[in-house]
Amino acid sequence: MYFEVTRKALMTPLKMIASVVERKQAVLILSQLLLQVDGDQLTLTATDGEIELKYHMAIGNGQAGAVTLPALKLYDICRALGDSAIISIRQQQQQAVVQSGRSRFVLQSLLVADFPSNEGFINETEINLSQNSLRYFLSKTQFAIAQQDARPALNGLLIEIKDQRLNFVATDGFRLAFASEIFIENQLVNNRILLPRKTVLELLKILNNSEEMVKIQLNQQQVRFSLPDLRLTSRLIDRPYPDYEVILAHQASAIITLDCQQFKQILQRVAILYDEQYKGARLEFSPNLLKVSASNPEHEQAFDEMDIDYNGDNFEVGFNVMYLLDALACIDTAKVQLHISGVYSSYLLCPQDSQNPQYAIMPMRL
């Protein structure tokens, strides 16, 4: 196996797929990158055992064959070479030689037959969605995915096909993010998949804001996202997801309208002096006025206030400031609305005159 390629051309796929490989792998073959040459096409494959990324690219000079190389070492070598470098890779028994000009690296290669394969993927359901739409909905919800929670379902993002809609849901038990769009396809059957957090983050790295379509294929265990040159296959989380509709269905007893940008700026200012452990702020609502305050164990305090559209009774509530700021960063309208159903119930934050996307946030005791 042999091929030549420019550093610039090779760095694009290496940067995309090398992030799948963990620097410390219990299984040695998972630290490798599979390179396959067939005619004038080079295919690069990386996997961590749960996610597989496969990239196809054209090459001008090559001999058919396949080899595995340490993924992150190859990435580091290519990154250290000059921008105009021409890189050649040649298989040499149980090793491979990576060469560019006077620079030469001999890397250990493992058996190609030992490299995991997802070629037996069985497609049961297929939908198509533009890259910018998929990226939009993932970005509006991914921040609420739990990290290493003892409840496996919370460590993933739910994509649900229900009643001709695509719903995207994430929650860590303290907040919930929801976004949805009408999606009409013939014979579209209700279904749901639970994407691992790492899969979502990898998708956000490779998706762009184009109208180019992504083919999404899925079965009970796996999902596959296919683009013209790139294919991501991932295992799914096989756990029941919480009934998020109960959280979103509460009836609001009052709705407060706030200027989105001003609200964010106030929260950012008071956060300078909040308690780093609890990240809490006190919000005091009264007719047409919101007062925000925060303090820390050093007895330092921050106070700020803003005008709001509210005519109800006075009340106060505590929130994790970062939960509010994460949600506000995903709302694009000038005004936001805070839906209240009870002092100790979750509060719903959403764009003015719309509930898509919407964010449910539990209050905290201060």
Protein backbone atom coordinates (compact mmCIF):
# COMPACT_ATOMS: atom_id res chain seq x y z
CA MET A 1 0.00 0.00 0.00
CA TYR A 2 1.32 3.41 -1.00
CA PHE A 3 -0.04 6.89 -1.62
CA GLU A 4 0.99 10.53 -1.87
CA VAL A 5 -1.08 13.50 -0.77
CA THR A 6 -0.57 17.13 0.14
CA ARG A 7 -0.45 18.02 3.81
CA LYS A 8 -3.32 20.49 3.32
CA ALA A 9 -5.58 17.82 1.84
CA LEU A 10 -4.74 15.25 4.52
CA MET A 11 -5.10 17.61 7.49
CA THR A 12 -8.79 18.23 6.77
CA PRO A 13 -9.93 14.63 7.40
CA LEU A 14 -7.32 14.00 10.08
CA LYS A 15 -8.57 16.95 12.09
CA MET A 16 -12.16 15.73 11.74
CA ILE A 17 -11.68 12.11 12.67
CA ALA A 18 -8.70 12.15 15.04
CA SER A 19 -10.89 13.64 17.79
CA VAL A 20 -12.81 10.35 17.96
CA VAL A 21 -9.68 8.53 19.13
CA GLU A 22 -8.94 8.75 22.85
CA ARG A 23 -5.31 9.35 23.82
CA LYS A 24 -5.48 6.54 26.38
CA GLN A 25 -7.06 3.37 24.98
CA ALA A 26 -7.45 0.09 26.83
CA VAL A 27 -7.74 -1.69 23.45
CA LEU A 28 -4.65 -0.90 21.36
CA ILE A 29 -6.33 -1.27 17.94
CA LEU A 30 -8.73 1.57 18.85
CA SER A 31 -5.78 3.97 18.95
CA GLN A 32 -5.13 3.23 15.28
CA LEU A 33 -6.35 4.89 12.10
CA LEU A 34 -7.27 2.64 9.18
CA LEU A 35 -6.09 3.91 5.79
CA GLN A 36 -7.36 2.13 2.65
CA VAL A 37 -6.35 2.91 -0.93
CA ASP A 38 -8.60 1.80 -3.79
CA GLY A 39 -7.84 3.30 -7.19
CA ASP A 40 -7.67 7.07 -6.83
CA GLN A 41 -9.56 7.11 -3.52
CA LEU A 42 -8.22 7.10 0.04
CA THR A 43 -10.53 6.14 2.91
CA LEU A 44 -9.63 7.00 6.49
CA THR A 45 -11.48 5.36 9.38
CA ALA A 46 -11.26 6.02 13.13
CA THR A 47 -13.29 4.50 15.96
CA ASP A 48 -13.40 4.40 19.74
CA GLY A 49 -15.61 1.30 19.74
CA GLU A 50 -18.78 3.36 20.09
CA ILE A 51 -18.40 5.92 17.28
CA GLU A 52 -16.93 5.34 13.83
CA LEU A 53 -15.93 8.17 11.49
CA LYS A 54 -15.12 7.33 7.88
CA TYR A 55 -13.81 9.92 5.39
CA HIS A 56 -13.33 9.49 1.63
CA MET A 57 -10.93 11.67 -0.36
CA ALA A 58 -9.34 11.67 -3.81
CA ILE A 59 -5.61 11.09 -4.28
CA GLY A 60 -3.49 11.38 -7.39
CA ASN A 61 -0.89 8.67 -6.88
CA GLY A 62 -1.42 5.43 -5.00
CA GLN A 63 -1.20 1.64 -4.86
CA ALA A 64 -4.11 -0.40 -3.53
CA GLY A 65 -3.95 -1.77 -0.01
CA ALA A 66 -4.69 -1.04 3.63
CA VAL A 67 -2.68 -0.22 6.73
CA THR A 68 -3.31 0.91 10.30
CA LEU A 69 -1.29 3.70 11.91
CA PRO A 70 -1.34 5.37 15.35
CA ALA A 71 -3.99 8.03 14.71
CA LEU A 72 -2.81 10.78 17.01
CA LYS A 73 0.87 10.30 16.14
CA LEU A 74 0.06 10.63 12.45
CA TYR A 75 -2.01 13.74 13.17
CA ASP A 76 0.81 15.29 15.21
CA ILE A 77 3.36 14.50 12.47
CA CYS A 78 1.24 16.08 9.74
CA ARG A 79 0.52 19.10 11.90
CA ALA A 80 4.26 19.67 12.43
CA LEU A 81 5.08 19.64 8.71
CA GLY A 82 5.10 22.73 6.51
CA ASP A 83 1.93 23.92 4.80
CA SER A 84 3.19 23.05 1.31
CA ALA A 85 4.53 19.60 2.25
CA ILE A 86 3.86 16.49 0.15
CA ILE A 87 3.34 13.42 2.34
CA SER A 88 3.85 9.82 1.25
CA ILE A 89 2.86 6.75 3.28
CA ARG A 90 4.20 3.32 2.38
CA GLN A 91 3.48 -0.01 4.07
CA GLN A 92 6.63 -1.90 5.05
CA GLN A 93 5.89 -5.30 6.64
CA GLN A 94 4.52 -4.61 10.16
CA GLN A 95 5.41 -0.94 9.93
CA ALA A 96 4.64 2.05 7.76
CA VAL A 97 6.94 4.82 6.60
CA VAL A 98 5.59 8.38 6.62
CA GLN A 99 7.86 10.66 4.59
CA SER A 100 7.88 14.31 3.56
CA GLY A 101 11.07 15.74 2.03
CA ARG A 102 13.91 14.93 4.43
CA SER A 103 11.56 14.10 7.29
CA ARG A 104 10.96 10.37 7.76
CA PHE A 105 8.94 8.55 10.40
CA VAL A 106 8.63 4.78 10.88
CA LEU A 107 5.42 3.91 12.72
CA GLN A 108 4.17 0.63 14.13
CA SER A 109 1.23 -0.92 12.27
CA LEU A 110 -1.30 -3.41 13.64
CA LEU A 111 -3.25 -6.05 11.74
CA VAL A 112 -5.92 -4.57 9.47
CA ALA A 113 -8.12 -7.61 10.16
CA ASP A 114 -8.30 -6.62 13.84
CA PHE A 115 -9.71 -3.17 13.10
CA PRO A 116 -13.44 -2.98 14.04
CA SER A 117 -15.89 -2.67 11.15
CA ASN A 118 -19.45 -1.35 10.89
CA GLU A 119 -20.01 -2.55 7.33
CA GLY A 120 -22.79 -4.86 8.52
CA PHE A 121 -25.04 -1.92 9.44
CA ILE A 122 -28.73 -2.70 8.87
CA ASN A 123 -30.93 0.23 7.88
CA GLU A 124 -34.47 0.09 9.30
CA THR A 125 -35.53 3.76 9.11
CA GLU A 126 -34.21 6.59 6.96
CA ILE A 127 -34.80 10.36 7.00
CA ASN A 128 -33.06 13.27 5.31
CA LEU A 129 -32.31 16.62 6.89
CA SER A 130 -30.18 19.55 5.77
CA GLN A 131 -26.87 20.09 7.53
CA ASN A 132 -27.85 23.53 8.79
CA SER A 133 -31.15 22.25 10.24
CA LEU A 134 -29.51 19.34 12.04
CA ARG A 135 -26.74 21.59 13.34
CA TYR A 136 -29.30 24.19 14.48
CA PHE A 137 -31.35 21.78 16.57
CA LEU A 138 -28.35 20.01 18.08
CA SER A 139 -26.76 23.34 19.05
CA LYS A 140 -29.99 24.58 20.66
CA THR A 141 -30.23 21.56 22.96
CA GLN A 142 -26.84 19.84 23.47
CA PHE A 143 -25.71 22.01 26.39
CA ALA A 144 -28.34 20.43 28.67
CA ILE A 145 -26.98 16.88 28.24
CA ALA A 146 -25.71 15.48 31.53
CA GLN A 147 -22.06 14.52 31.89
CA GLN A 148 -21.31 11.12 33.44
CA ASP A 149 -24.64 10.96 35.23
CA ALA A 150 -25.49 7.69 37.00
CA ARG A 151 -28.69 7.64 34.92
CA PRO A 152 -27.41 6.62 31.44
CA ALA A 153 -30.36 8.14 29.54
CA LEU A 154 -29.50 11.64 30.76
CA ASN A 155 -26.04 11.35 29.16
CA GLY A 156 -27.64 11.47 25.72
CA LEU A 157 -29.75 13.65 23.46
CA LEU A 158 -33.17 12.41 22.36
CA ILE A 159 -34.19 12.72 18.70
CA GLU A 160 -37.84 11.82 18.40
CA ILE A 161 -40.00 11.36 15.32
CA LYS A 162 -43.55 11.93 16.52
CA ASP A 163 -46.70 13.01 14.70
CA GLN A 164 -44.79 14.33 11.67
CA ARG A 165 -42.41 16.37 13.84
CA LEU A 166 -38.77 16.04 14.75
CA ASN A 167 -38.19 16.74 18.44
CA PHE A 168 -34.76 17.28 20.00
CA VAL A 169 -34.58 16.98 23.79
CA ALA A 170 -31.79 17.08 26.38
CA THR A 171 -31.90 17.21 30.18
CA ASP A 172 -29.53 16.75 33.10
CA GLY A 173 -32.32 16.60 35.68
CA PHE A 174 -32.03 20.28 36.63
CA ARG A 175 -32.85 21.83 33.26
CA LEU A 176 -34.39 20.69 30.01
CA ALA A 177 -33.85 21.93 26.44
CA PHE A 178 -36.40 21.30 23.69
CA ALA A 179 -36.52 22.24 20.00
CA SER A 180 -38.79 20.94 17.27
CA GLU A 181 -39.80 21.34 13.63
CA ILE A 182 -42.52 20.02 11.35
CA PHE A 183 -41.07 17.23 9.23
CA ILE A 184 -43.29 15.72 6.56
CA GLU A 185 -42.20 12.58 4.76
CA ASN A 186 -44.31 9.81 3.30
CA GLN A 187 -44.89 6.91 5.68
CA LEU A 188 -42.78 8.47 8.41
CA VAL A 189 -43.16 6.16 11.42
CA ASN A 190 -42.92 7.42 15.01
CA ASN A 191 -39.52 6.55 16.42
CA ARG A 192 -36.93 7.80 18.89
CA ILE A 193 -33.17 7.45 19.28
CA LEU A 194 -30.89 8.47 22.11
CA LEU A 195 -27.52 9.84 20.93
CA PRO A 196 -24.53 9.68 23.28
CA ARG A 197 -23.11 13.07 24.23
CA LYS A 198 -19.82 12.44 22.42
CA THR A 199 -21.70 11.62 19.21
CA VAL A 200 -23.54 14.93 19.39
CA LEU A 201 -20.30 16.85 19.92
CA GLU A 202 -18.63 15.08 16.98
CA LEU A 203 -21.60 15.89 14.74
CA LEU A 204 -21.39 19.57 15.66
CA LYS A 205 -17.73 19.55 14.56
CA ILE A 206 -18.42 18.14 11.10
CA LEU A 207 -21.76 19.76 10.23
CA ASN A 208 -21.82 23.16 8.53
CA ASN A 209 -24.53 25.70 7.73
CA SER A 210 -25.17 24.51 4.17
CA GLU A 211 -28.38 23.16 2.66
CA GLU A 212 -26.54 19.95 1.75
CA MET A 213 -28.56 16.97 2.93
CA VAL A 214 -27.59 14.51 5.64
CA LYS A 215 -28.94 10.98 5.26
CA ILE A 216 -29.86 9.61 8.69
CA GLN A 217 -30.27 5.83 8.90
CA LEU A 218 -31.08 4.01 12.09
CA ASN A 219 -31.99 0.72 13.71
CA GLN A 220 -32.49 -0.35 17.31
CA GLN A 221 -28.79 -0.30 18.20
CA GLN A 222 -27.09 2.18 15.85
CA VAL A 223 -27.51 5.38 13.85
CA ARG A 224 -25.60 6.48 10.76
CA PHE A 225 -25.18 10.04 9.45
CA SER A 226 -23.98 10.15 5.84
CA LEU A 227 -22.59 13.16 3.96
CA PRO A 228 -20.97 13.05 0.50
CA ASP A 229 -17.42 12.52 1.82
CA LEU A 230 -18.01 11.61 5.45
CA ARG A 231 -19.95 9.00 7.39
CA LEU A 232 -20.47 8.81 11.15
CA THR A 233 -21.86 5.64 12.73
CA SER A 234 -22.68 5.51 16.42
CA ARG A 235 -24.14 3.16 18.96
CA LEU A 236 -27.29 4.36 20.69
CA ILE A 237 -28.05 4.54 24.40
CA ASP A 238 -30.54 1.77 25.11
CA ARG A 239 -32.45 3.25 28.04
CA PRO A 240 -35.95 4.72 28.47
CA TYR A 241 -35.98 8.52 28.36
CA PRO A 242 -37.82 10.62 30.98
CA ASP A 243 -41.30 11.88 30.06
CA TYR A 244 -40.22 15.37 29.06
CA GLU A 245 -43.72 16.36 27.90
CA VAL A 246 -44.94 16.46 31.51
CA ILE A 247 -42.35 19.13 32.28
CA LEU A 248 -43.24 21.24 29.25
CA ALA A 249 -47.01 20.89 29.60
CA HIS A 250 -47.49 22.91 32.80
CA GLN A 251 -49.89 25.83 32.63
CA ALA A 252 -48.34 29.26 33.23
CA SER A 253 -49.94 31.36 35.96
CA ALA A 254 -47.94 34.40 34.82
CA ILE A 255 -45.68 35.36 31.91
CA ILE A 256 -42.86 37.88 32.33
CA THR A 257 -41.34 39.54 29.25
CA LEU A 258 -37.71 40.68 29.40
CA ASP A 259 -35.17 42.21 27.04
CA CYS A 260 -32.92 39.26 26.16
CA GLN A 261 -29.62 41.12 25.80
CA GLN A 262 -30.12 43.22 28.92
CA PHE A 263 -31.08 40.17 30.96
CA LYS A 264 -27.89 38.36 29.83
CA GLN A 265 -25.71 41.35 30.68
CA ILE A 266 -27.16 41.68 34.18
CA LEU A 267 -26.65 37.97 34.88
CA GLN A 268 -23.07 38.16 33.60
CA ARG A 269 -22.33 41.11 35.87
CA VAL A 270 -23.73 39.61 39.07
CA ALA A 271 -22.01 36.31 38.26
CA ILE A 272 -18.68 38.03 38.95
CA LEU A 273 -19.41 37.76 42.69
CA TYR A 274 -21.52 34.61 42.92
CA ASP A 275 -20.57 31.53 44.92
CA GLU A 276 -18.37 29.46 42.58
CA GLN A 277 -19.71 26.21 44.05
CA TYR A 278 -23.45 26.89 43.72
CA LYS A 279 -23.47 29.61 41.04
CA GLY A 280 -26.74 30.94 42.43
CA ALA A 281 -28.41 34.31 41.99
CA ARG A 282 -31.54 35.72 43.60
CA LEU A 283 -34.18 37.19 41.27
CA GLU A 284 -36.78 39.47 42.86
CA PHE A 285 -39.80 40.24 40.68
CA SER A 286 -42.20 43.10 41.28
CA PRO A 287 -44.48 45.04 38.91
CA ASN A 288 -42.32 46.22 35.98
CA LEU A 289 -39.05 45.63 37.84
CA LEU A 290 -36.54 42.82 38.26
CA LYS A 291 -33.76 42.98 40.88
CA VAL A 292 -30.91 40.47 40.63
CA SER A 293 -28.37 39.83 43.38
CA ALA A 294 -25.59 37.37 44.16
CA SER A 295 -23.12 36.82 46.99
CA ASN A 296 -20.21 34.59 47.95
CA PRO A 297 -18.64 33.13 51.12
CA GLU A 298 -16.36 36.20 51.38
CA HIS A 299 -19.51 38.28 52.08
CA GLU A 300 -19.14 40.14 48.78
CA GLN A 301 -22.35 41.05 47.00
CA ALA A 302 -23.55 42.20 43.58
CA PHE A 303 -26.84 43.97 42.80
CA ASP A 304 -28.42 44.98 39.52
CA GLU A 305 -31.90 45.66 38.16
CA MET A 306 -33.86 46.14 34.93
CA ASP A 307 -37.33 47.10 33.73
CA ILE A 308 -39.61 44.22 32.74
CA ASP A 309 -43.14 43.66 31.50
CA TYR A 310 -44.88 42.15 34.55
CA ASN A 311 -47.95 43.21 36.57
CA GLY A 312 -48.31 40.36 39.06
CA ASP A 313 -47.52 39.89 42.74
CA ASN A 314 -44.04 40.31 44.22
CA PHE A 315 -42.00 37.12 44.51
CA GLU A 316 -38.38 35.99 44.55
CA VAL A 317 -36.64 32.88 43.26
CA GLY A 318 -33.10 31.51 43.05
CA PHE A 319 -31.51 30.19 39.86
CA ASN A 320 -28.21 28.75 38.77
CA VAL A 321 -26.92 31.70 36.72
CA MET A 322 -25.14 29.50 34.18
CA TYR A 323 -28.35 27.58 33.43
CA LEU A 324 -30.07 30.86 32.58
CA LEU A 325 -27.15 32.12 30.50
CA ASP A 326 -26.88 28.84 28.54
CA ALA A 327 -30.55 29.05 27.62
CA LEU A 328 -30.46 32.76 26.77
CA ALA A 329 -27.49 32.16 24.45
CA CYS A 330 -29.72 29.90 22.34
CA ILE A 331 -32.60 32.38 21.99
CA ASP A 332 -32.32 34.65 18.96
CA THR A 333 -35.21 37.05 19.58
CA ALA A 334 -34.88 40.51 21.14
CA LYS A 335 -37.38 39.64 23.88
CA VAL A 336 -37.69 36.51 25.99
CA GLN A 337 -40.53 35.27 28.14
CA LEU A 338 -40.39 33.56 31.50
CA HIS A 339 -43.43 31.34 32.14
CA ILE A 340 -44.24 30.78 35.82
CA SER A 341 -46.45 27.98 37.11
CA GLY A 342 -45.38 28.00 40.77
CA VAL A 343 -42.52 29.22 42.91
CA TYR A 344 -41.02 25.75 43.32
CA SER A 345 -41.97 24.35 39.90
CA SER A 346 -39.75 24.55 36.82
CA TYR A 347 -39.71 27.88 34.99
CA LEU A 348 -40.03 27.94 31.22
CA LEU A 349 -37.80 30.30 29.23
CA CYS A 350 -38.54 30.80 25.52
CA PRO A 351 -38.58 33.42 22.73
CA GLN A 352 -41.34 36.00 22.83
CA ASP A 353 -44.55 34.74 21.18
CA SER A 354 -43.02 31.31 20.53
CA GLN A 355 -42.27 28.14 22.43
CA ASN A 356 -39.63 26.80 20.06
CA PRO A 357 -37.01 26.40 21.36
CA GLN A 358 -37.95 26.28 25.02
CA TYR A 359 -35.97 25.69 28.18
CA ALA A 360 -37.29 24.43 31.50
CA ILE A 361 -35.10 25.35 34.50
CA MET A 362 -35.61 24.25 38.07
CA PRO A 363 -35.23 26.95 40.75
CA MET A 364 -32.73 26.53 43.56
CA ARG A 365 -32.85 27.38 47.26
CA LEU A 366 -30.43 30.14 48.28
